[in-house]
Amino acid sequence: MSQKAFYRLNPATGQYERVYPTARQRLVASLRQFAVGAAVALGAVTALYMALDFPKERVLRAENERLRLSVDMLGRRADEAIAVIGDIAARDDNFYRVVMQAEPLGAARRYAGLERRRNYESVDSLADTELVGDLTDKLDVLEQMVATQSRSFDFLRSRASTLRERSSHVPAIQPVSEKSLRAMASGYGYRRDPIYGTAKFHEGMDFSAPVGTPVYATGDAKVQSAGWHSGYGNLIELDHGYQYLTRYAHLSEILVRPGQTVHRGDMIGRVGNTGKSTGPHLHYEVRLNGVPQNPVHYYYYDLTPQQYDEMIRQAENAGHVMD
């Protein structure tokens, strides 16, 4: 095979003269030709690869599409689950915790410490990292919400047990049965003193009933004191716990002793006319943290709505105390 001949124009003579390239120049020329050929070949192979649909490539593309659809479906299911647990959380704050007298958690406490956890190197290497990452975030949120709600229900279960015990101690019935009452002598609030005629704050309610009428404990309690107490006459004080105390005054007879445990509905004494009293009646007080409460709010266990309304009406209209 003959070698190519190269010529160069000599300006001085105006003639073309043959040039003999060096070995280095020939090597560079050969490499240049090889590079061009390789680039053309690579382009042709790439075009062929893109144009042809190989069986293996078809399988991989189909599998990738199925994975994308599965991730998208899981994302929608995660959205639905988050919506459901969000509704439960709202009811937990606005109903369950209200009923259980507990402070609502609120969003700040429910999502406290929630951060996007991206310790998934295999996930970050995928082409659809953004899609998978979004699903991962949703699952993190769902996991946090479920864990928080589970702890909340555990707390409410414990709270319910406490409130169940507490409910038996809170004063919740009339100290004198409805059938034994003659009249509601006086309600809670400012009234005219029956002896001195001056305005006086009445810290309880007066129930007019015959001497000897049974008087009942209005909630589970321990007898704190039972005996004579100045203007109260024969007086019983019951410590119900949970900062509640009730007083039963002007009794004709005391049937309990200090330190004794009594339960709601137990008979503890009898109506009388002892102490500073103008007629047979029971003076009844409810105190919370040492502060007198309106007893009318503590009869919800044994009165019908009609009886309760009538009692309130009588208590408001009864303007004179009997002690």
C-alpha atoms as a PDB file:
ATOM      1  CA  MET A   1       0.000   0.000   0.000  1.00  0.00           C
ATOM      2  CA  SER A   2       1.494   3.318  -1.129  1.00  0.00           C
ATOM      3  CA  GLN A   3       1.817   6.180   1.314  1.00  0.00           C
ATOM      4  CA  LYS A   4       0.089   9.494   0.763  1.00  0.00           C
ATOM      5  CA  ALA A   5       2.289  12.249  -0.646  1.00  0.00           C
ATOM      6  CA  PHE A   6       2.049  15.809   0.757  1.00  0.00           C
ATOM      7  CA  TYR A   7       3.019  18.954  -1.199  1.00  0.00           C
ATOM      8  CA  ARG A   8       3.503  22.582  -0.177  1.00  0.00           C
ATOM      9  CA  LEU A   9       3.592  25.723  -2.419  1.00  0.00           C
ATOM     10  CA  ASN A  10       6.946  27.498  -2.423  1.00  0.00           C
ATOM     11  CA  PRO A  11       6.179  31.236  -2.838  1.00  0.00           C
ATOM     12  CA  ALA A  12       9.684  31.969  -3.970  1.00  0.00           C
ATOM     13  CA  THR A  13       9.649  29.605  -6.947  1.00  0.00           C
ATOM     14  CA  GLY A  14       5.921  29.336  -7.469  1.00  0.00           C
ATOM     15  CA  GLN A  15       6.329  25.584  -7.586  1.00  0.00           C
ATOM     16  CA  TYR A  16       4.788  22.842  -5.404  1.00  0.00           C
ATOM     17  CA  GLU A  17       7.449  20.977  -3.509  1.00  0.00           C
ATOM     18  CA  ARG A  18       6.947  17.595  -1.863  1.00  0.00           C
ATOM     19  CA  VAL A  19       6.966  17.536   1.923  1.00  0.00           C
ATOM     20  CA  TYR A  20       8.103  14.558   3.896  1.00  0.00           C
ATOM     21  CA  PRO A  21       6.295  14.543   7.380  1.00  0.00           C
ATOM     22  CA  THR A  22       8.071  13.424  10.498  1.00  0.00           C
ATOM     23  CA  ALA A  23       7.095  10.280  12.403  1.00  0.00           C
ATOM     24  CA  ARG A  24       5.393  12.391  15.107  1.00  0.00           C
ATOM     25  CA  GLN A  25       3.286  14.219  12.551  1.00  0.00           C
ATOM     26  CA  ARG A  26       2.246  10.950  10.995  1.00  0.00           C
ATOM     27  CA  LEU A  27       1.273   9.584  14.463  1.00  0.00           C
ATOM     28  CA  VAL A  28      -0.817  12.648  15.269  1.00  0.00           C
ATOM     29  CA  ALA A  29      -2.609  12.395  11.938  1.00  0.00           C
ATOM     30  CA  SER A  30      -3.360   8.718  12.505  1.00  0.00           C
ATOM     31  CA  LEU A  31      -4.721   9.375  16.006  1.00  0.00           C
ATOM     32  CA  ARG A  32      -6.911  12.149  14.685  1.00  0.00           C
ATOM     33  CA  GLN A  33      -8.380   9.860  12.073  1.00  0.00           C
ATOM     34  CA  PHE A  34      -8.980   7.153  14.718  1.00  0.00           C
ATOM     35  CA  ALA A  35     -10.729   9.584  17.064  1.00  0.00           C
ATOM     36  CA  VAL A  36     -13.051  10.772  14.340  1.00  0.00           C
ATOM     37  CA  GLY A  37     -13.862   7.221  13.367  1.00  0.00           C
ATOM     38  CA  ALA A  38     -14.512   6.204  16.972  1.00  0.00           C
ATOM     39  CA  ALA A  39     -16.839   9.176  17.533  1.00  0.00           C
ATOM     40  CA  VAL A  40     -18.791   8.325  14.398  1.00  0.00           C
ATOM     41  CA  ALA A  41     -19.057   4.684  15.473  1.00  0.00           C
ATOM     42  CA  LEU A  42     -20.168   5.603  19.006  1.00  0.00           C
ATOM     43  CA  GLY A  43     -22.821   7.946  17.627  1.00  0.00           C
ATOM     44  CA  ALA A  44     -24.080   5.236  15.327  1.00  0.00           C
ATOM     45  CA  VAL A  45     -24.277   2.682  18.171  1.00  0.00           C
ATOM     46  CA  THR A  46     -26.085   5.171  20.424  1.00  0.00           C
ATOM     47  CA  ALA A  47     -28.592   6.007  17.744  1.00  0.00           C
ATOM     48  CA  LEU A  48     -29.164   2.316  17.126  1.00  0.00           C
ATOM     49  CA  TYR A  49     -29.622   1.690  20.891  1.00  0.00           C
ATOM     50  CA  MET A  50     -32.151   4.489  21.144  1.00  0.00           C
ATOM     51  CA  ALA A  51     -34.003   3.412  18.030  1.00  0.00           C
ATOM     52  CA  LEU A  52     -34.270  -0.260  18.829  1.00  0.00           C
ATOM     53  CA  ASP A  53     -36.483  -1.599  21.681  1.00  0.00           C
ATOM     54  CA  PHE A  54     -34.626  -4.511  23.223  1.00  0.00           C
ATOM     55  CA  PRO A  55     -36.664  -7.059  25.213  1.00  0.00           C
ATOM     56  CA  LYS A  56     -34.706  -6.476  28.412  1.00  0.00           C
ATOM     57  CA  GLU A  57     -35.202  -2.730  28.159  1.00  0.00           C
ATOM     58  CA  ARG A  58     -38.939  -3.175  27.619  1.00  0.00           C
ATOM     59  CA  VAL A  59     -39.162  -5.282  30.806  1.00  0.00           C
ATOM     60  CA  LEU A  60     -37.213  -2.707  32.835  1.00  0.00           C
ATOM     61  CA  ARG A  61     -39.338   0.189  31.603  1.00  0.00           C
ATOM     62  CA  ALA A  62     -42.552  -1.691  32.367  1.00  0.00           C
ATOM     63  CA  GLU A  63     -41.306  -2.570  35.859  1.00  0.00           C
ATOM     64  CA  ASN A  64     -40.300   1.037  36.491  1.00  0.00           C
ATOM     65  CA  GLU A  65     -43.756   2.240  35.469  1.00  0.00           C
ATOM     66  CA  ARG A  66     -45.398  -0.265  37.792  1.00  0.00           C
ATOM     67  CA  LEU A  67     -43.184   0.951  40.632  1.00  0.00           C
ATOM     68  CA  ARG A  68     -44.141   4.562  39.935  1.00  0.00           C
ATOM     69  CA  LEU A  69     -47.834   3.653  39.983  1.00  0.00           C
ATOM     70  CA  SER A  70     -47.382   1.698  43.230  1.00  0.00           C
ATOM     71  CA  VAL A  71     -45.588   4.610  44.910  1.00  0.00           C
ATOM     72  CA  ASP A  72     -48.283   7.006  43.704  1.00  0.00           C
ATOM     73  CA  MET A  73     -51.026   4.712  45.065  1.00  0.00           C
ATOM     74  CA  LEU A  74     -49.223   4.413  48.403  1.00  0.00           C
ATOM     75  CA  GLY A  75     -48.970   8.192  48.518  1.00  0.00           C
ATOM     76  CA  ARG A  76     -52.729   8.548  48.056  1.00  0.00           C
ATOM     77  CA  ARG A  77     -53.384   5.928  50.745  1.00  0.00           C
ATOM     78  CA  ALA A  78     -51.010   7.753  53.088  1.00  0.00           C
ATOM     79  CA  ASP A  79     -52.941  10.985  52.447  1.00  0.00           C
ATOM     80  CA  GLU A  80     -56.216   9.227  53.322  1.00  0.00           C
ATOM     81  CA  ALA A  81     -54.718   7.702  56.480  1.00  0.00           C
ATOM     82  CA  ILE A  82     -53.346  11.096  57.570  1.00  0.00           C
ATOM     83  CA  ALA A  83     -56.801  12.635  57.030  1.00  0.00           C
ATOM     84  CA  VAL A  84     -58.432   9.911  59.175  1.00  0.00           C
ATOM     85  CA  ILE A  85     -55.925  10.207  62.018  1.00  0.00           C
ATOM     86  CA  GLY A  86     -56.222  13.999  61.751  1.00  0.00           C
ATOM     87  CA  ASP A  87     -59.982  13.726  62.318  1.00  0.00           C
ATOM     88  CA  ILE A  88     -59.369  11.458  65.326  1.00  0.00           C
ATOM     89  CA  ALA A  89     -56.845  13.976  66.685  1.00  0.00           C
ATOM     90  CA  ALA A  90     -59.402  16.789  66.306  1.00  0.00           C
ATOM     91  CA  ARG A  91     -62.030  14.789  68.194  1.00  0.00           C
ATOM     92  CA  ASP A  92     -59.416  13.908  70.800  1.00  0.00           C
ATOM     93  CA  ASP A  93     -58.680  17.605  71.437  1.00  0.00           C
ATOM     94  CA  ASN A  94     -62.223  18.930  71.141  1.00  0.00           C
ATOM     95  CA  PHE A  95     -64.272  16.139  72.706  1.00  0.00           C
ATOM     96  CA  TYR A  96     -62.423  13.322  74.473  1.00  0.00           C
ATOM     97  CA  ARG A  97     -60.046  15.605  76.374  1.00  0.00           C
ATOM     98  CA  VAL A  98     -62.828  18.066  77.167  1.00  0.00           C
ATOM     99  CA  VAL A  99     -64.939  15.277  78.661  1.00  0.00           C
ATOM    100  CA  MET A 100     -61.932  13.999  80.627  1.00  0.00           C
ATOM    101  CA  GLN A 101     -61.070  17.531  81.776  1.00  0.00           C
ATOM    102  CA  ALA A 102     -57.606  17.329  80.198  1.00  0.00           C
ATOM    103  CA  GLU A 103     -55.719  19.997  78.298  1.00  0.00           C
ATOM    104  CA  PRO A 104     -55.859  19.548  74.481  1.00  0.00           C
ATOM    105  CA  LEU A 105     -52.548  18.515  72.903  1.00  0.00           C
ATOM    106  CA  GLY A 106     -52.696  20.887  69.937  1.00  0.00           C
ATOM    107  CA  ALA A 107     -50.607  20.723  66.774  1.00  0.00           C
ATOM    108  CA  ALA A 108     -47.366  21.927  68.381  1.00  0.00           C
ATOM    109  CA  ARG A 109     -47.304  19.043  70.854  1.00  0.00           C
ATOM    110  CA  ARG A 110     -48.579  16.461  68.387  1.00  0.00           C
ATOM    111  CA  TYR A 111     -45.805  17.150  65.856  1.00  0.00           C
ATOM    112  CA  ALA A 112     -43.043  18.051  68.318  1.00  0.00           C
ATOM    113  CA  GLY A 113     -39.686  16.650  67.208  1.00  0.00           C
ATOM    114  CA  LEU A 114     -40.941  15.568  63.802  1.00  0.00           C
ATOM    115  CA  GLU A 115     -38.178  16.020  61.243  1.00  0.00           C
ATOM    116  CA  ARG A 116     -37.711  14.659  57.785  1.00  0.00           C
ATOM    117  CA  ARG A 117     -35.619  11.532  58.172  1.00  0.00           C
ATOM    118  CA  ARG A 118     -33.665  10.906  54.987  1.00  0.00           C
ATOM    119  CA  ASN A 119     -31.269   8.151  56.000  1.00  0.00           C
ATOM    120  CA  TYR A 120     -32.125   6.108  52.939  1.00  0.00           C
ATOM    121  CA  GLU A 121     -29.105   5.996  50.630  1.00  0.00           C
ATOM    122  CA  SER A 122     -30.784   3.478  48.330  1.00  0.00           C
ATOM    123  CA  VAL A 123     -33.772   5.826  47.984  1.00  0.00           C
ATOM    124  CA  ASP A 124     -31.635   8.840  47.135  1.00  0.00           C
ATOM    125  CA  SER A 125     -29.970   6.885  44.324  1.00  0.00           C
ATOM    126  CA  LEU A 126     -33.258   6.351  42.469  1.00  0.00           C
ATOM    127  CA  ALA A 127     -34.272   8.420  39.476  1.00  0.00           C
ATOM    128  CA  ASP A 128     -37.601   9.187  41.156  1.00  0.00           C
ATOM    129  CA  THR A 129     -36.043  10.376  44.422  1.00  0.00           C
ATOM    130  CA  GLU A 130     -38.472  13.284  44.772  1.00  0.00           C
ATOM    131  CA  LEU A 131     -41.536  11.049  44.479  1.00  0.00           C
ATOM    132  CA  VAL A 132     -40.219   8.449  46.910  1.00  0.00           C
ATOM    133  CA  GLY A 133     -38.990  11.179  49.271  1.00  0.00           C
ATOM    134  CA  ASP A 134     -42.462  12.742  49.370  1.00  0.00           C
ATOM    135  CA  LEU A 135     -43.974   9.365  50.263  1.00  0.00           C
ATOM    136  CA  THR A 136     -41.316   8.896  52.948  1.00  0.00           C
ATOM    137  CA  ASP A 137     -42.252  12.261  54.477  1.00  0.00           C
ATOM    138  CA  LYS A 138     -45.928  11.320  54.557  1.00  0.00           C
ATOM    139  CA  LEU A 139     -45.158   8.027  56.269  1.00  0.00           C
ATOM    140  CA  ASP A 140     -43.009   9.859  58.831  1.00  0.00           C
ATOM    141  CA  VAL A 141     -45.905  12.215  59.594  1.00  0.00           C
ATOM    142  CA  LEU A 142     -48.363   9.327  59.821  1.00  0.00           C
ATOM    143  CA  GLU A 143     -46.042   7.385  62.124  1.00  0.00           C
ATOM    144  CA  GLN A 144     -45.685  10.410  64.419  1.00  0.00           C
ATOM    145  CA  MET A 145     -49.448  11.067  64.481  1.00  0.00           C
ATOM    146  CA  VAL A 146     -50.283   7.427  65.273  1.00  0.00           C
ATOM    147  CA  ALA A 147     -47.658   7.262  68.034  1.00  0.00           C
ATOM    148  CA  THR A 148     -48.856  10.523  69.608  1.00  0.00           C
ATOM    149  CA  GLN A 149     -52.516   9.488  69.414  1.00  0.00           C
ATOM    150  CA  SER A 150     -51.728   6.110  70.947  1.00  0.00           C
ATOM    151  CA  ARG A 151     -50.017   7.818  73.893  1.00  0.00           C
ATOM    152  CA  SER A 152     -52.970  10.193  74.195  1.00  0.00           C
ATOM    153  CA  PHE A 153     -55.478   7.336  74.395  1.00  0.00           C
ATOM    154  CA  ASP A 154     -53.313   5.614  77.024  1.00  0.00           C
ATOM    155  CA  PHE A 155     -53.408   8.844  79.041  1.00  0.00           C
ATOM    156  CA  LEU A 156     -57.172   9.208  78.612  1.00  0.00           C
ATOM    157  CA  ARG A 157     -57.749   5.600  79.690  1.00  0.00           C
ATOM    158  CA  SER A 158     -55.824   6.319  82.882  1.00  0.00           C
ATOM    159  CA  ARG A 159     -57.685   9.608  83.268  1.00  0.00           C
ATOM    160  CA  ALA A 160     -61.037   7.867  82.837  1.00  0.00           C
ATOM    161  CA  SER A 161     -60.187   5.456  85.634  1.00  0.00           C
ATOM    162  CA  THR A 162     -59.297   8.382  87.906  1.00  0.00           C
ATOM    163  CA  LEU A 163     -62.440  10.312  86.992  1.00  0.00           C
ATOM    164  CA  ARG A 164     -64.585   7.246  87.605  1.00  0.00           C
ATOM    165  CA  GLU A 165     -63.287   7.073  91.152  1.00  0.00           C
ATOM    166  CA  ARG A 166     -63.524  10.852  91.503  1.00  0.00           C
ATOM    167  CA  SER A 167     -67.144  10.906  90.343  1.00  0.00           C
ATOM    168  CA  SER A 168     -68.204   8.759  93.290  1.00  0.00           C
ATOM    169  CA  HIS A 169     -66.693  11.286  95.700  1.00  0.00           C
ATOM    170  CA  VAL A 170     -68.073  14.507  94.213  1.00  0.00           C
ATOM    171  CA  PRO A 171     -71.307  15.651  95.967  1.00  0.00           C
ATOM    172  CA  ALA A 172     -74.059  14.855  93.487  1.00  0.00           C
ATOM    173  CA  ILE A 173     -77.415  14.284  95.243  1.00  0.00           C
ATOM    174  CA  GLN A 174     -79.718  16.189  97.566  1.00  0.00           C
ATOM    175  CA  PRO A 175     -78.965  15.596 101.251  1.00  0.00           C
ATOM    176  CA  VAL A 176     -82.711  15.269 101.936  1.00  0.00           C
ATOM    177  CA  SER A 177     -84.921  13.174  99.673  1.00  0.00           C
ATOM    178  CA  GLU A 178     -87.363  15.056  97.493  1.00  0.00           C
ATOM    179  CA  LYS A 179     -90.380  13.305  99.050  1.00  0.00           C
ATOM    180  CA  SER A 180     -89.392  14.476 102.567  1.00  0.00           C
ATOM    181  CA  LEU A 181     -89.096  18.166 101.728  1.00  0.00           C
ATOM    182  CA  ARG A 182     -91.687  20.646 102.892  1.00  0.00           C
ATOM    183  CA  ALA A 183     -90.176  23.525 100.974  1.00  0.00           C
ATOM    184  CA  MET A 184     -86.937  25.077  99.815  1.00  0.00           C
ATOM    185  CA  ALA A 185     -86.368  27.558 102.629  1.00  0.00           C
ATOM    186  CA  SER A 186     -83.495  29.456 101.093  1.00  0.00           C
ATOM    187  CA  GLY A 187     -80.963  29.270  98.325  1.00  0.00           C
ATOM    188  CA  TYR A 188     -77.348  30.333  97.975  1.00  0.00           C
ATOM    189  CA  GLY A 189     -76.401  34.009  97.942  1.00  0.00           C
ATOM    190  CA  TYR A 190     -77.277  37.233  99.763  1.00  0.00           C
ATOM    191  CA  ARG A 191     -80.341  36.900 101.982  1.00  0.00           C
ATOM    192  CA  ARG A 192     -81.872  38.725 104.966  1.00  0.00           C
ATOM    193  CA  ASP A 193     -80.762  37.355 108.329  1.00  0.00           C
ATOM    194  CA  PRO A 194     -83.878  35.977 110.143  1.00  0.00           C
ATOM    195  CA  ILE A 195     -82.708  37.191 113.542  1.00  0.00           C
ATOM    196  CA  TYR A 196     -80.750  40.394 112.926  1.00  0.00           C
ATOM    197  CA  GLY A 197     -82.599  41.520 109.788  1.00  0.00           C
ATOM    198  CA  THR A 198     -79.365  42.491 108.025  1.00  0.00           C
ATOM    199  CA  ALA A 199     -78.115  41.439 104.613  1.00  0.00           C
ATOM    200  CA  LYS A 200     -76.073  38.278 104.859  1.00  0.00           C
ATOM    201  CA  PHE A 201     -74.346  36.001 102.373  1.00  0.00           C
ATOM    202  CA  HIS A 202     -75.872  32.545 102.719  1.00  0.00           C
ATOM    203  CA  GLU A 203     -73.115  30.013 101.948  1.00  0.00           C
ATOM    204  CA  GLY A 204     -75.404  27.050 101.438  1.00  0.00           C
ATOM    205  CA  MET A 205     -79.030  25.970 101.017  1.00  0.00           C
ATOM    206  CA  ASP A 206     -81.728  25.416 103.627  1.00  0.00           C
ATOM    207  CA  PHE A 207     -84.057  22.432 103.247  1.00  0.00           C
ATOM    208  CA  SER A 208     -87.225  22.660 105.368  1.00  0.00           C
ATOM    209  CA  ALA A 209     -88.289  19.226 106.630  1.00  0.00           C
ATOM    210  CA  PRO A 210     -89.775  17.692 109.827  1.00  0.00           C
ATOM    211  CA  VAL A 211     -87.455  16.942 112.740  1.00  0.00           C
ATOM    212  CA  GLY A 212     -86.094  13.424 112.386  1.00  0.00           C
ATOM    213  CA  THR A 213     -86.095  13.418 108.558  1.00  0.00           C
ATOM    214  CA  PRO A 214     -83.108  11.344 107.317  1.00  0.00           C
ATOM    215  CA  VAL A 215     -80.060  13.242 106.049  1.00  0.00           C
ATOM    216  CA  TYR A 216     -77.827  11.497 103.511  1.00  0.00           C
ATOM    217  CA  ALA A 217     -74.167  11.769 102.496  1.00  0.00           C
ATOM    218  CA  THR A 218     -74.068  13.317  99.040  1.00  0.00           C
ATOM    219  CA  GLY A 219     -70.872  11.550  97.965  1.00  0.00           C
ATOM    220  CA  ASP A 220     -68.267   9.059  99.175  1.00  0.00           C
ATOM    221  CA  ALA A 221     -66.251  10.659 101.961  1.00  0.00           C
ATOM    222  CA  LYS A 222     -64.562  10.405 105.331  1.00  0.00           C
ATOM    223  CA  VAL A 223     -66.185  12.071 108.337  1.00  0.00           C
ATOM    224  CA  GLN A 224     -63.916  14.985 109.211  1.00  0.00           C
ATOM    225  CA  SER A 225     -65.913  16.178 112.239  1.00  0.00           C
ATOM    226  CA  ALA A 226     -69.213  15.354 113.927  1.00  0.00           C
ATOM    227  CA  GLY A 227     -70.471  17.276 116.952  1.00  0.00           C
ATOM    228  CA  TRP A 228     -71.669  20.596 118.316  1.00  0.00           C
ATOM    229  CA  HIS A 229     -70.430  23.696 116.486  1.00  0.00           C
ATOM    230  CA  SER A 230     -71.709  27.017 117.806  1.00  0.00           C
ATOM    231  CA  GLY A 231     -74.338  28.567 115.495  1.00  0.00           C
ATOM    232  CA  TYR A 232     -74.393  25.438 113.307  1.00  0.00           C
ATOM    233  CA  GLY A 233     -75.709  23.366 116.188  1.00  0.00           C
ATOM    234  CA  ASN A 234     -75.106  19.676 115.613  1.00  0.00           C
ATOM    235  CA  LEU A 235     -72.797  19.662 112.587  1.00  0.00           C
ATOM    236  CA  ILE A 236     -71.274  16.992 110.365  1.00  0.00           C
ATOM    237  CA  GLU A 237     -68.396  17.801 107.984  1.00  0.00           C
ATOM    238  CA  LEU A 238     -67.502  15.273 105.281  1.00  0.00           C
ATOM    239  CA  ASP A 239     -64.153  15.333 103.491  1.00  0.00           C
ATOM    240  CA  HIS A 240     -64.778  13.921 100.002  1.00  0.00           C
ATOM    241  CA  GLY A 241     -61.215  14.269  98.769  1.00  0.00           C
ATOM    242  CA  TYR A 242     -60.412  16.086  95.521  1.00  0.00           C
ATOM    243  CA  GLN A 243     -60.689  19.338  97.554  1.00  0.00           C
ATOM    244  CA  TYR A 244     -64.432  18.863  98.227  1.00  0.00           C
ATOM    245  CA  LEU A 245     -66.040  19.255 101.670  1.00  0.00           C
ATOM    246  CA  THR A 246     -69.748  19.247 102.630  1.00  0.00           C
ATOM    247  CA  ARG A 247     -71.469  20.512 105.784  1.00  0.00           C
ATOM    248  CA  TYR A 248     -74.764  19.334 107.343  1.00  0.00           C
ATOM    249  CA  ALA A 249     -75.979  21.641 110.139  1.00  0.00           C
ATOM    250  CA  HIS A 250     -78.744  22.005 112.780  1.00  0.00           C
ATOM    251  CA  LEU A 251     -79.144  18.235 113.069  1.00  0.00           C
ATOM    252  CA  SER A 252     -81.301  16.660 115.761  1.00  0.00           C
ATOM    253  CA  GLU A 253     -79.169  13.515 115.718  1.00  0.00           C
ATOM    254  CA  ILE A 254     -75.675  12.585 114.462  1.00  0.00           C
ATOM    255  CA  LEU A 255     -75.287   8.989 113.288  1.00  0.00           C
ATOM    256  CA  VAL A 256     -71.580   8.947 112.315  1.00  0.00           C
ATOM    257  CA  ARG A 257     -68.269   9.513 114.075  1.00  0.00           C
ATOM    258  CA  PRO A 258     -65.051  11.275 112.989  1.00  0.00           C
ATOM    259  CA  GLY A 259     -62.805   9.129 110.788  1.00  0.00           C
ATOM    260  CA  GLN A 260     -65.663   6.938 109.595  1.00  0.00           C
ATOM    261  CA  THR A 261     -65.951   6.228 105.860  1.00  0.00           C
ATOM    262  CA  VAL A 262     -69.361   6.837 104.297  1.00  0.00           C
ATOM    263  CA  HIS A 263     -70.735   6.380 100.813  1.00  0.00           C
ATOM    264  CA  ARG A 264     -73.151   8.405  98.740  1.00  0.00           C
ATOM    265  CA  GLY A 265     -76.677   7.742  99.996  1.00  0.00           C
ATOM    266  CA  ASP A 266     -75.646   6.580 103.473  1.00  0.00           C
ATOM    267  CA  MET A 267     -77.803   8.032 106.249  1.00  0.00           C
ATOM    268  CA  ILE A 268     -75.546  10.182 108.462  1.00  0.00           C
ATOM    269  CA  GLY A 269     -78.003  12.149 110.622  1.00  0.00           C
ATOM    270  CA  ARG A 270     -81.485  13.560 111.068  1.00  0.00           C
ATOM    271  CA  VAL A 271     -82.980  16.987 110.404  1.00  0.00           C
ATOM    272  CA  GLY A 272     -83.270  19.139 113.518  1.00  0.00           C
ATOM    273  CA  ASN A 273     -83.566  22.659 114.884  1.00  0.00           C
ATOM    274  CA  THR A 274     -80.337  23.033 116.876  1.00  0.00           C
ATOM    275  CA  GLY A 275     -78.014  26.018 117.014  1.00  0.00           C
ATOM    276  CA  LYS A 276     -78.939  29.360 115.446  1.00  0.00           C
ATOM    277  CA  SER A 277     -82.144  28.197 113.768  1.00  0.00           C
ATOM    278  CA  THR A 278     -85.691  29.503 113.411  1.00  0.00           C
ATOM    279  CA  GLY A 279     -87.335  26.193 112.510  1.00  0.00           C
ATOM    280  CA  PRO A 280     -86.682  22.551 111.601  1.00  0.00           C
ATOM    281  CA  HIS A 281     -84.434  22.434 108.563  1.00  0.00           C
ATOM    282  CA  LEU A 282     -81.090  21.234 107.214  1.00  0.00           C
ATOM    283  CA  HIS A 283     -78.437  23.784 106.320  1.00  0.00           C
ATOM    284  CA  TYR A 284     -76.238  22.237 103.598  1.00  0.00           C
ATOM    285  CA  GLU A 285     -72.963  23.554 102.174  1.00  0.00           C
ATOM    286  CA  VAL A 286     -70.582  22.442  99.414  1.00  0.00           C
ATOM    287  CA  ARG A 287     -67.020  23.782  99.507  1.00  0.00           C
ATOM    288  CA  LEU A 288     -64.288  23.388  96.897  1.00  0.00           C
ATOM    289  CA  ASN A 289     -60.759  24.335  97.943  1.00  0.00           C
ATOM    290  CA  GLY A 290     -62.332  25.952 100.977  1.00  0.00           C
ATOM    291  CA  VAL A 291     -64.544  28.250  98.874  1.00  0.00           C
ATOM    292  CA  PRO A 292     -68.365  27.964  99.232  1.00  0.00           C
ATOM    293  CA  GLN A 293     -70.081  26.716  96.056  1.00  0.00           C
ATOM    294  CA  ASN A 294     -73.704  27.005  95.029  1.00  0.00           C
ATOM    295  CA  PRO A 295     -75.096  23.562  95.995  1.00  0.00           C
ATOM    296  CA  VAL A 296     -77.703  23.850  93.251  1.00  0.00           C
ATOM    297  CA  HIS A 297     -75.012  22.733  90.788  1.00  0.00           C
ATOM    298  CA  TYR A 298     -74.483  19.447  92.636  1.00  0.00           C
ATOM    299  CA  TYR A 299     -77.827  17.634  92.413  1.00  0.00           C
ATOM    300  CA  TYR A 300     -77.544  16.123  88.958  1.00  0.00           C
ATOM    301  CA  TYR A 301     -77.737  12.459  90.039  1.00  0.00           C
ATOM    302  CA  ASP A 302     -81.170  12.164  91.595  1.00  0.00           C
ATOM    303  CA  LEU A 303     -83.365  14.905  90.092  1.00  0.00           C
ATOM    304  CA  THR A 304     -85.260  14.910  86.830  1.00  0.00           C
ATOM    305  CA  PRO A 305     -84.835  17.985  84.617  1.00  0.00           C
ATOM    306  CA  GLN A 306     -88.295  19.166  85.736  1.00  0.00           C
ATOM    307  CA  GLN A 307     -87.448  18.719  89.435  1.00  0.00           C
ATOM    308  CA  TYR A 308     -84.119  20.456  88.927  1.00  0.00           C
ATOM    309  CA  ASP A 309     -85.775  23.475  87.264  1.00  0.00           C
ATOM    310  CA  GLU A 310     -88.336  23.691  90.057  1.00  0.00           C
ATOM    311  CA  MET A 311     -85.642  23.495  92.718  1.00  0.00           C
ATOM    312  CA  ILE A 312     -83.712  26.346  91.092  1.00  0.00           C
ATOM    313  CA  ARG A 313     -86.898  28.418  90.913  1.00  0.00           C
ATOM    314  CA  GLN A 314     -87.621  27.845  94.600  1.00  0.00           C
ATOM    315  CA  ALA A 315     -84.034  28.555  95.621  1.00  0.00           C
ATOM    316  CA  GLU A 316     -84.058  31.873  93.750  1.00  0.00           C
ATOM    317  CA  ASN A 317     -87.415  32.941  95.173  1.00  0.00           C
ATOM    318  CA  ALA A 318     -86.728  31.875  98.783  1.00  0.00           C
ATOM    319  CA  GLY A 319     -85.463  35.116 100.212  1.00  0.00           C
ATOM    320  CA  HIS A 320     -85.142  34.322 103.923  1.00  0.00           C
ATOM    321  CA  VAL A 321     -82.685  32.036 105.573  1.00  0.00           C
ATOM    322  CA  MET A 322     -83.639  29.934 108.608  1.00  0.00           C
ATOM    323  CA  ASP A 323     -80.291  30.199 110.393  1.00  0.00           C
END
